[in-house]
Structure formats: structure tokens, C-alpha cells
Amino acid sequence: MTRPYVLLSAAMSLDGFLDDDSPQRLLLSDAADFDRVDQVRAECDAIMVGARTLRSDNPRLLVAAESRRRARLAAGRPEYPLKVTVTASGALDPGLRVWHEGGGKLVYTTEAGARALGDSLAGLAEVRVLGPRIDLGALLDDLGARGVRRLMVEGGTSLHTALLAGDLADELRLAVAPLLVGAAGSPRFVDPAVFPARRLVLTDVDMVGDMAVLRYLLRTESIADRDRRFLRRAIALARACPPSATAFSVGAVIVADGEVLATGYSRETDEKAHAEEAALDKLDPRDPRLAGATVYSTLEPCSQRATASRLPCADRILAAGIGRVVIAWREPSTFVRNCVGVEKLRDNGVEVVEFPELAEAAMSMNRHLDLG
């Protein structure tokens, strides 16, 4: 049985608080960070919170962007991730918003919690009893059996603490707001506990709005997760592209043995430059590291160019001897009727890996174009 990949997500103040002691919820994230969280939700199969978070914040736990919901449906996934709540006491109000808006709902509780709930959530959520106490390992086993492969945990303090102390999390994304709360007794990211005695691996630090978003890995990274990490970096690069009505915005990262050799983005050096081209131009074509490198590109490498003097990116990759390419989406017929970059690479022995779940994020900066 495969447990889901567990991604912990939280926003906190510079001094480690999730909220202050005022009656109103303190919004630590800005609009840009809320959109980032929405994208992470769209990439996951389920979102999990503790009952205290439901009672204090009354969240809906939805994917807000219609384009992201459409992308999920197009990929054969439910429109919304499964909404999972953990409660030991069973103190859950059936009037909370989470029960009445999109997506399936699942509650994990104890025997005592189930008695307290009674039939109050009948028709609103499935209730799963874990036994006399909350066993998070059993919970993850059950989610894995239900087909949940990627679980996003949005809090609160007790749930994050228990998952970290139990060594049950795979990744932590911590958004740090430029605020100091300093309110004694306010909820912190984690409570005191005995945590695994090892250093976490910091893989990315991004600036999103006025927030610093830190990404840590808590255990050995799989090849697929490494690919997602570098592909997300390419997506971030695509946002730096000068705007154009006649070309896509694309980002590219070239990596060998975990080291970034070069990066590039569309129109970085001139108005005709492609992302892979811009990255490859920064490297010596005789660099021996290229033989073991991977090109991460948000868009399928082109198989033809409008300018005859410039080699298509698929040909540039082949000429460099690069044996692996990872992309988020195939090129639509907007500018090229039949792009065969993927086919050309594969026909020449290059491994091409596609991550369609990241296609919407990669397409987001090209929405002004006809992507049909």
C-alpha cells in the first residue's frame, strides 16, 4: 500500500505565529501568495486540515481559479481535491462552509468523536473512525488505499506538529510574511515536540508578492519530485519573459547531477530567442556535463523556426548530446500547425518526460494568446 506524498503548507509571521490574538483572523498572505496556494491545491489529490482550523477560519478549501479546475477535469481528475478533516473530539458544526461547497468531504475521528458527531454530518461528509485515538499512520494508509497520491496539509498547529514529530511528512512549504506578531498565546506553526534529529534540505527560496516562500524536503527526493522542482523553477523563469503577442513565454533550466548549469527564458537576449536556446547559448557545447544533463522546459521544444538562420530547439538539444528533457505542455497550433519536437527527440533516443499536472501553471502567462 502506497501512502500519499505529504506536503505541509503554512504561512507564518517572522516570529513564527500563524495568527494573532485578535477576534479577526490575521491574513498573513497577500494576493500573490493566495494564488500560489491555489496552484498547489490544484496539483494535489486531497487537502487536509484539523478541526480547530475549521472552527477558527471557516475555510472553503476550494481551488478558486476556474482555469485550474478545468485543467483538473481535462486530466481526468475531480474538479476539486478531496477535503479531509481530522478531529479527535468530533466538535464540528454542520453549518461550516467546507461541507456545502465543491468536492468530496471525509472526516477522520476517534470512537468518542464519532459518538459526539452522531449523524450531524449525514449527507455532508463521510466519517471514518480510526479507533480510540487519532492514528495518523493509519489515516495515511487509508488515504493511499483511496487513491490519494498527493496530500496537502494546511494546518493547524497540532496537525503540523504531529506529522513532523511522527516523521510522516515529505515536504514543507513555509511562506514567511514580513510581519511581527509577538502575541503570547497565539498559535504557532508548531508546538514543542520531539522532532527527528536531522537537518531539513532547503531546495528553493522564492519571493511571492512580499512573502518569502521556503521549500524544504524532509526525506529523500524521488526523481519525479526532483523533476517537478526544476520544472517549477522553469515556470518561475517564464514570468520574466518580455510580453509578446506573437510568441509564447517559456522558461528553461539545464541541470546535471543536481546542479543548475544554465537557465534561459523567451526573448531574454533578443526578441527571437527561445528559452532553451538562451540557456544553451550560455554553455560551452563541448561541456562534458551535457551528456548527463536534463533540460527542463515549460513548453515542448520547437521543431521548426521562422528564421532559417536559427536552429530549432529540439535540434539544439540533440546537437548538445543531452539525453533527457522534461516538459509541462505540448505546443498548441497557435503559431506552428504541427510541432513534432517531442517526437523528434524520442526518435533520436532522448527520454522525454511530461508533467501535465503542471501544464496550467506553465500556460498561465500565455492566457492572452489563442491556445487552441
Protein backbone atom coordinates (compact mmCIF):
# COMPACT_ATOMS: atom_id res chain seq x y z
CA MET A 1 0.00 0.00 0.00
CA THR A 2 1.38 3.41 -1.00
CA ARG A 3 0.87 6.33 1.34
CA PRO A 4 0.38 9.76 -0.23
CA TYR A 5 3.18 12.26 -0.59
CA VAL A 6 2.54 14.64 2.32
CA LEU A 7 3.14 18.33 1.68
CA LEU A 8 2.80 20.67 4.67
CA SER A 9 1.80 24.24 3.78
CA ALA A 10 1.73 27.19 6.16
CA ALA A 11 2.07 30.96 6.27
CA MET A 12 3.65 32.44 9.37
CA SER A 13 4.99 35.72 10.70
CA LEU A 14 8.70 36.41 11.06
CA ASP A 15 8.43 35.36 14.70
CA GLY A 16 6.68 32.07 13.93
CA PHE A 17 2.98 32.82 14.51
CA LEU A 18 0.09 31.63 12.33
CA ASP A 19 -2.31 34.22 13.73
CA ASP A 20 -2.57 36.89 16.42
CA ASP A 21 -4.90 37.13 19.43
CA SER A 22 -7.49 39.44 17.85
CA PRO A 23 -11.07 38.26 17.14
CA GLN A 24 -10.46 38.57 13.39
CA ARG A 25 -8.22 36.15 11.51
CA LEU A 26 -4.85 37.71 10.67
CA LEU A 27 -4.26 37.44 6.91
CA LEU A 28 -0.54 36.80 6.61
CA SER A 29 -0.55 36.03 2.88
CA ASP A 30 -1.02 38.63 0.16
CA ALA A 31 -2.93 38.11 -3.12
CA ALA A 32 0.09 36.63 -4.90
CA ASP A 33 0.66 34.08 -2.16
CA PHE A 34 -3.01 33.10 -2.04
CA ASP A 35 -2.77 32.42 -5.78
CA ARG A 36 0.35 30.31 -5.20
CA VAL A 37 -1.53 28.25 -2.61
CA ASP A 38 -4.41 27.86 -5.05
CA GLN A 39 -1.98 26.39 -7.59
CA VAL A 40 -0.57 23.95 -5.03
CA ARG A 41 -4.11 22.88 -4.13
CA ALA A 42 -4.85 22.25 -7.80
CA GLU A 43 -1.84 19.93 -8.03
CA CYS A 44 -2.96 17.77 -5.08
CA ASP A 45 -5.49 14.97 -4.70
CA ALA A 46 -6.61 15.99 -1.21
CA ILE A 47 -6.38 18.90 1.25
CA MET A 48 -6.29 18.14 4.98
CA VAL A 49 -6.90 20.39 7.99
CA GLY A 50 -7.50 19.96 11.69
CA ALA A 51 -10.89 20.65 13.25
CA ARG A 52 -9.56 23.70 15.10
CA THR A 53 -8.65 25.29 11.75
CA LEU A 54 -12.20 24.73 10.51
CA ARG A 55 -13.69 26.23 13.65
CA SER A 56 -11.42 29.30 13.72
CA ASP A 57 -11.08 30.11 9.99
CA ASN A 58 -14.21 28.51 8.45
CA PRO A 59 -12.37 27.93 5.14
CA ARG A 60 -13.95 26.55 1.97
CA LEU A 61 -10.80 24.65 0.86
CA LEU A 62 -11.54 25.10 -2.83
CA VAL A 63 -9.47 25.59 -5.97
CA ALA A 64 -10.53 29.15 -6.81
CA ALA A 65 -9.21 29.54 -10.37
CA GLU A 66 -11.64 28.17 -12.95
CA SER A 67 -8.77 27.52 -15.36
CA ARG A 68 -7.13 25.22 -12.80
CA ARG A 69 -10.37 23.35 -12.22
CA ARG A 70 -10.79 22.90 -15.99
CA ALA A 71 -7.25 21.55 -16.21
CA ARG A 72 -8.03 19.01 -13.48
CA LEU A 73 -11.15 17.86 -15.31
CA ALA A 74 -9.28 17.65 -18.62
CA ALA A 75 -6.72 15.40 -16.94
CA GLY A 76 -9.48 13.07 -15.73
CA ARG A 77 -9.33 14.23 -12.12
CA PRO A 78 -12.17 15.55 -9.93
CA GLU A 79 -12.83 19.27 -10.26
CA TYR A 80 -11.81 19.80 -6.62
CA PRO A 81 -9.43 17.90 -4.35
CA LEU A 82 -10.93 15.73 -1.61
CA LYS A 83 -11.39 17.76 1.61
CA VAL A 84 -10.14 15.90 4.68
CA THR A 85 -10.72 16.95 8.30
CA VAL A 86 -9.13 15.42 11.41
CA THR A 87 -10.98 15.69 14.75
CA ALA A 88 -10.48 13.79 18.00
CA SER A 89 -13.44 15.37 19.77
CA GLY A 90 -15.99 15.38 16.95
CA ALA A 91 -16.79 19.04 17.66
CA LEU A 92 -17.69 20.03 14.10
CA ASP A 93 -20.54 22.36 13.16
CA PRO A 94 -22.56 21.09 10.16
CA GLY A 95 -23.07 24.72 9.17
CA LEU A 96 -19.37 25.27 8.33
CA ARG A 97 -18.76 26.32 4.73
CA VAL A 98 -16.44 23.40 3.97
CA TRP A 99 -19.34 20.90 3.90
CA HIS A 100 -21.50 22.89 1.49
CA GLU A 101 -19.17 23.69 -1.41
CA GLY A 102 -17.43 21.63 -4.11
CA GLY A 103 -15.60 18.37 -3.75
CA GLY A 104 -15.85 15.24 -1.65
CA LYS A 105 -15.55 15.51 2.14
CA LEU A 106 -14.00 12.99 4.52
CA VAL A 107 -13.71 13.21 8.32
CA TYR A 108 -11.31 11.09 10.38
CA THR A 109 -12.17 10.83 14.04
CA THR A 110 -11.99 8.68 17.18
CA GLU A 111 -14.65 6.42 18.67
CA ALA A 112 -15.56 9.19 21.12
CA GLY A 113 -15.58 11.75 18.31
CA ALA A 114 -17.93 9.59 16.26
CA ARG A 115 -20.35 9.40 19.19
CA ALA A 116 -20.23 13.20 19.55
CA LEU A 117 -20.85 13.69 15.83
CA GLY A 118 -23.76 11.30 15.71
CA ASP A 119 -25.50 11.80 12.38
CA SER A 120 -24.85 15.57 12.26
CA LEU A 121 -22.76 15.24 9.09
CA ALA A 122 -25.03 12.71 7.39
CA GLY A 123 -25.24 13.58 3.70
CA LEU A 124 -22.43 16.14 4.08
CA ALA A 125 -19.30 14.06 4.68
CA GLU A 126 -18.08 10.50 5.08
CA VAL A 127 -16.97 9.82 8.67
CA ARG A 128 -14.14 7.30 9.18
CA VAL A 129 -13.40 6.09 12.72
CA LEU A 130 -9.74 5.37 13.40
CA GLY A 131 -10.17 3.82 16.84
CA PRO A 132 -9.75 5.15 20.39
CA ARG A 133 -7.22 7.77 19.19
CA ILE A 134 -6.10 9.50 16.02
CA ASP A 135 -3.50 7.29 14.33
CA LEU A 136 -2.04 9.43 11.53
CA GLY A 137 -0.18 6.47 10.03
CA ALA A 138 -3.46 4.57 9.68
CA LEU A 139 -5.06 7.71 8.27
CA LEU A 140 -2.39 7.97 5.56
CA ASP A 141 -2.76 4.28 4.78
CA ASP A 142 -6.48 4.76 4.30
CA LEU A 143 -5.98 7.78 2.04
CA GLY A 144 -3.47 5.81 -0.04
CA ALA A 145 -5.99 2.99 -0.43
CA ARG A 146 -8.49 5.57 -1.69
CA GLY A 147 -6.09 6.63 -4.47
CA VAL A 148 -4.80 9.82 -2.86
CA ARG A 149 -1.24 10.23 -4.11
CA ARG A 150 -0.52 13.83 -3.12
CA LEU A 151 -1.87 15.31 0.12
CA MET A 152 -1.64 18.99 1.04
CA VAL A 153 -1.88 19.74 4.77
CA GLU A 154 -2.95 23.30 5.59
CA GLY A 155 -2.87 23.10 9.37
CA GLY A 156 -3.19 23.87 12.04
CA THR A 157 -0.55 23.76 14.72
CA SER A 158 -1.45 20.39 16.25
CA LEU A 159 -1.65 18.60 12.91
CA HIS A 160 1.63 20.03 11.61
CA THR A 161 3.32 19.17 14.90
CA ALA A 162 2.06 15.59 14.92
CA LEU A 163 3.02 14.91 11.31
CA LEU A 164 6.50 16.36 11.75
CA ALA A 165 7.12 14.65 15.09
CA GLY A 166 5.88 11.36 13.63
CA ASP A 167 8.20 11.71 10.61
CA LEU A 168 5.18 11.40 8.35
CA ALA A 169 5.72 14.44 6.09
CA ASP A 170 7.70 14.60 2.86
CA GLU A 171 7.84 18.32 2.14
CA LEU A 172 7.33 21.66 3.86
CA ARG A 173 6.42 24.91 2.10
CA LEU A 174 6.62 27.78 4.52
CA ALA A 175 5.57 31.27 3.45
CA VAL A 176 7.08 33.89 5.74
CA ALA A 177 5.24 37.21 5.97
CA PRO A 178 7.07 40.49 6.69
CA LEU A 179 5.21 40.91 9.99
CA LEU A 180 5.96 40.53 13.67
CA VAL A 181 3.04 39.34 15.80
CA GLY A 182 4.52 38.88 19.27
CA ALA A 183 1.20 37.94 20.87
CA ALA A 184 1.84 35.41 23.63
CA GLY A 185 -0.60 32.52 23.45
CA SER A 186 -1.29 32.93 19.72
CA PRO A 187 -0.96 29.81 17.57
CA ARG A 188 2.49 29.00 16.26
CA PHE A 189 3.48 26.90 13.27
CA VAL A 190 4.37 24.01 15.58
CA ASP A 191 4.15 23.26 19.30
CA PRO A 192 7.07 21.96 21.37
CA ALA A 193 7.68 18.29 20.50
CA VAL A 194 10.40 15.72 19.91
CA PHE A 195 11.20 16.01 16.21
CA PRO A 196 13.52 13.82 14.10
CA ALA A 197 17.10 14.95 14.74
CA ARG A 198 18.20 15.87 11.24
CA ARG A 199 18.63 18.99 9.14
CA LEU A 200 15.98 19.62 6.50
CA VAL A 201 17.05 20.16 2.91
CA LEU A 202 16.25 23.66 1.63
CA THR A 203 15.67 23.36 -2.12
CA ASP A 204 14.04 26.65 -3.12
CA VAL A 205 13.54 30.18 -1.83
CA ASP A 206 11.08 32.23 -3.88
CA MET A 207 9.74 35.74 -3.48
CA VAL A 208 5.97 35.71 -3.99
CA GLY A 209 4.43 39.15 -3.57
CA ASP A 210 6.04 40.38 -0.37
CA MET A 211 6.37 36.85 1.05
CA ALA A 212 9.45 34.62 1.18
CA VAL A 213 8.41 31.05 0.33
CA LEU A 214 10.82 28.39 1.55
CA ARG A 215 10.62 24.81 0.30
CA TYR A 216 12.18 22.07 2.41
CA LEU A 217 12.43 18.35 1.75
CA LEU A 218 12.08 16.12 4.78
CA ARG A 219 13.21 12.85 3.22
CA THR A 220 14.99 11.58 0.11
CA GLU A 221 13.64 13.23 -3.00
CA SER A 222 12.27 10.98 -5.74
CA ILE A 223 13.20 11.52 -9.38
CA ALA A 224 9.65 12.66 -10.12
CA ASP A 225 9.69 15.22 -7.31
CA ARG A 226 13.10 16.49 -8.41
CA ASP A 227 11.70 16.90 -11.92
CA ARG A 228 8.70 18.82 -10.57
CA ARG A 229 11.00 21.06 -8.54
CA PHE A 230 13.16 22.09 -11.51
CA LEU A 231 10.13 22.37 -13.80
CA ARG A 232 8.55 24.78 -11.31
CA ARG A 233 11.76 26.79 -11.44
CA ALA A 234 11.43 26.94 -15.23
CA ILE A 235 7.82 28.11 -14.81
CA ALA A 236 9.02 30.90 -12.49
CA LEU A 237 11.58 31.94 -15.12
CA ALA A 238 8.85 32.18 -17.76
CA ARG A 239 7.31 35.02 -15.77
CA ALA A 240 10.41 37.10 -16.58
CA CYS A 241 9.75 36.98 -20.34
CA PRO A 242 9.11 40.33 -22.06
CA PRO A 243 5.46 40.28 -23.16
CA SER A 244 4.67 39.35 -26.75
CA ALA A 245 1.53 38.94 -28.83
CA THR A 246 3.30 36.69 -31.34
CA ALA A 247 5.30 34.25 -29.20
CA PHE A 248 4.96 32.16 -26.07
CA SER A 249 6.57 32.91 -22.73
CA VAL A 250 8.73 29.93 -21.84
CA GLY A 251 11.34 29.17 -19.19
CA ALA A 252 14.14 26.59 -19.34
CA VAL A 253 16.63 25.15 -16.85
CA ILE A 254 19.53 22.83 -17.70
CA VAL A 255 20.59 20.56 -14.81
CA ALA A 256 23.30 17.92 -14.37
CA ASP A 257 23.90 15.93 -11.16
CA GLY A 258 21.53 18.23 -9.28
CA GLU A 259 23.46 21.37 -10.31
CA VAL A 260 21.89 24.08 -12.44
CA LEU A 261 24.22 24.62 -15.39
CA ALA A 262 22.24 27.36 -17.12
CA THR A 263 18.83 28.99 -17.30
CA GLY A 264 17.01 30.89 -20.01
CA TYR A 265 13.68 32.39 -20.93
CA SER A 266 11.98 33.55 -24.11
CA ARG A 267 13.28 36.86 -25.53
CA GLU A 268 15.96 37.01 -22.84
CA THR A 269 18.69 38.14 -25.27
CA ASP A 270 16.69 39.30 -28.30
CA GLU A 271 13.08 39.23 -29.49
CA LYS A 272 13.56 35.92 -31.36
CA ALA A 273 15.38 33.97 -28.63
CA HIS A 274 13.72 30.80 -27.33
CA ALA A 275 14.17 29.69 -23.74
CA GLU A 276 16.18 26.51 -24.45
CA GLU A 277 18.29 28.44 -26.94
CA ALA A 278 19.04 31.19 -24.41
CA ALA A 279 20.10 28.59 -21.84
CA LEU A 280 22.26 26.55 -24.24
CA ASP A 281 23.99 29.70 -25.53
CA LYS A 282 25.43 30.20 -22.04
CA LEU A 283 27.26 26.86 -22.13
CA ASP A 284 30.29 25.54 -23.96
CA PRO A 285 28.87 22.95 -26.41
CA ARG A 286 31.86 20.73 -25.54
CA ASP A 287 31.00 20.73 -21.82
CA PRO A 288 31.12 17.02 -20.84
CA ARG A 289 28.36 17.55 -18.27
CA LEU A 290 25.82 17.97 -21.07
CA ALA A 291 25.90 14.24 -21.80
CA GLY A 292 24.26 13.60 -18.42
CA ALA A 293 22.09 16.71 -18.32
CA THR A 294 18.34 17.23 -18.31
CA VAL A 295 16.60 20.17 -20.00
CA TYR A 296 13.53 21.38 -18.11
CA SER A 297 11.29 23.46 -20.36
CA THR A 298 7.79 24.71 -19.71
CA LEU A 299 6.87 24.12 -23.37
CA GLU A 300 7.71 21.40 -25.88
CA PRO A 301 10.99 22.28 -27.66
CA CYS A 302 10.28 23.62 -31.13
CA SER A 303 10.87 21.50 -34.24
CA GLN A 304 10.93 24.40 -36.71
CA ARG A 305 11.85 28.07 -36.71
CA ALA A 306 10.53 31.00 -38.70
CA THR A 307 14.09 32.29 -39.03
CA ALA A 308 16.15 29.90 -41.15
CA SER A 309 19.42 31.00 -39.55
CA ARG A 310 18.32 29.71 -36.13
CA LEU A 311 18.30 26.00 -35.34
CA PRO A 312 15.12 24.57 -33.80
CA CYS A 313 15.46 23.91 -30.08
CA ALA A 314 14.93 20.16 -30.49
CA ASP A 315 17.91 20.10 -32.88
CA ARG A 316 19.97 22.22 -30.49
CA ILE A 317 19.29 19.71 -27.71
CA LEU A 318 20.27 16.80 -29.97
CA ALA A 319 23.43 18.58 -31.10
CA ALA A 320 24.42 19.16 -27.47
CA GLY A 321 24.13 15.43 -26.75
CA ILE A 322 21.57 15.94 -23.97
CA GLY A 323 19.70 12.73 -23.29
CA ARG A 324 16.73 13.84 -21.21
CA VAL A 325 14.03 16.52 -21.49
CA VAL A 326 11.17 17.32 -19.08
CA ILE A 327 8.23 19.49 -20.19
CA ALA A 328 4.93 20.75 -18.81
CA TRP A 329 2.85 21.08 -22.00
CA ARG A 330 2.89 20.38 -25.73
CA GLU A 331 2.98 23.30 -28.16
CA PRO A 332 -0.54 24.13 -29.43
CA SER A 333 -1.28 25.15 -33.02
CA THR A 334 -1.24 28.89 -32.25
CA PHE A 335 1.95 29.62 -34.21
CA VAL A 336 3.02 26.19 -35.54
CA ARG A 337 0.46 23.86 -37.06
CA ASN A 338 2.31 20.65 -36.26
CA CYS A 339 5.12 20.84 -33.74
CA VAL A 340 6.90 17.48 -33.50
CA GLY A 341 9.62 18.42 -31.03
CA VAL A 342 8.77 15.57 -28.64
CA GLU A 343 8.61 13.03 -31.46
CA LYS A 344 11.93 14.19 -32.94
CA LEU A 345 13.66 13.92 -29.58
CA ARG A 346 12.23 10.50 -28.81
CA ASP A 347 13.04 9.20 -32.30
CA ASN A 348 16.65 10.13 -31.60
CA GLY A 349 16.84 8.35 -28.26
CA VAL A 350 16.14 11.27 -25.93
CA GLU A 351 13.97 10.48 -22.92
CA VAL A 352 11.07 12.95 -22.76
CA VAL A 353 9.03 13.18 -19.56
CA GLU A 354 5.77 15.15 -19.43
CA PHE A 355 4.06 16.60 -16.35
CA PRO A 356 0.55 17.56 -17.49
CA GLU A 357 -0.44 18.49 -13.91
CA LEU A 358 1.91 21.49 -14.24
CA ALA A 359 0.60 22.49 -17.67
CA GLU A 360 -1.89 25.03 -16.31
CA ALA A 361 0.81 26.80 -14.32
CA ALA A 362 3.07 26.86 -17.38
CA MET A 363 0.27 28.14 -19.59
CA SER A 364 -0.86 30.84 -17.14
CA MET A 365 1.44 33.58 -18.50
CA ASN A 366 0.23 32.85 -22.08
CA ARG A 367 -3.51 33.30 -21.48
CA HIS A 368 -3.62 36.35 -23.76
CA LEU A 369 -2.80 34.08 -26.72
CA ASP A 370 -5.03 31.64 -28.60
CA LEU A 371 -4.02 28.29 -27.11
CA GLY A 372 -6.34 26.24 -29.27
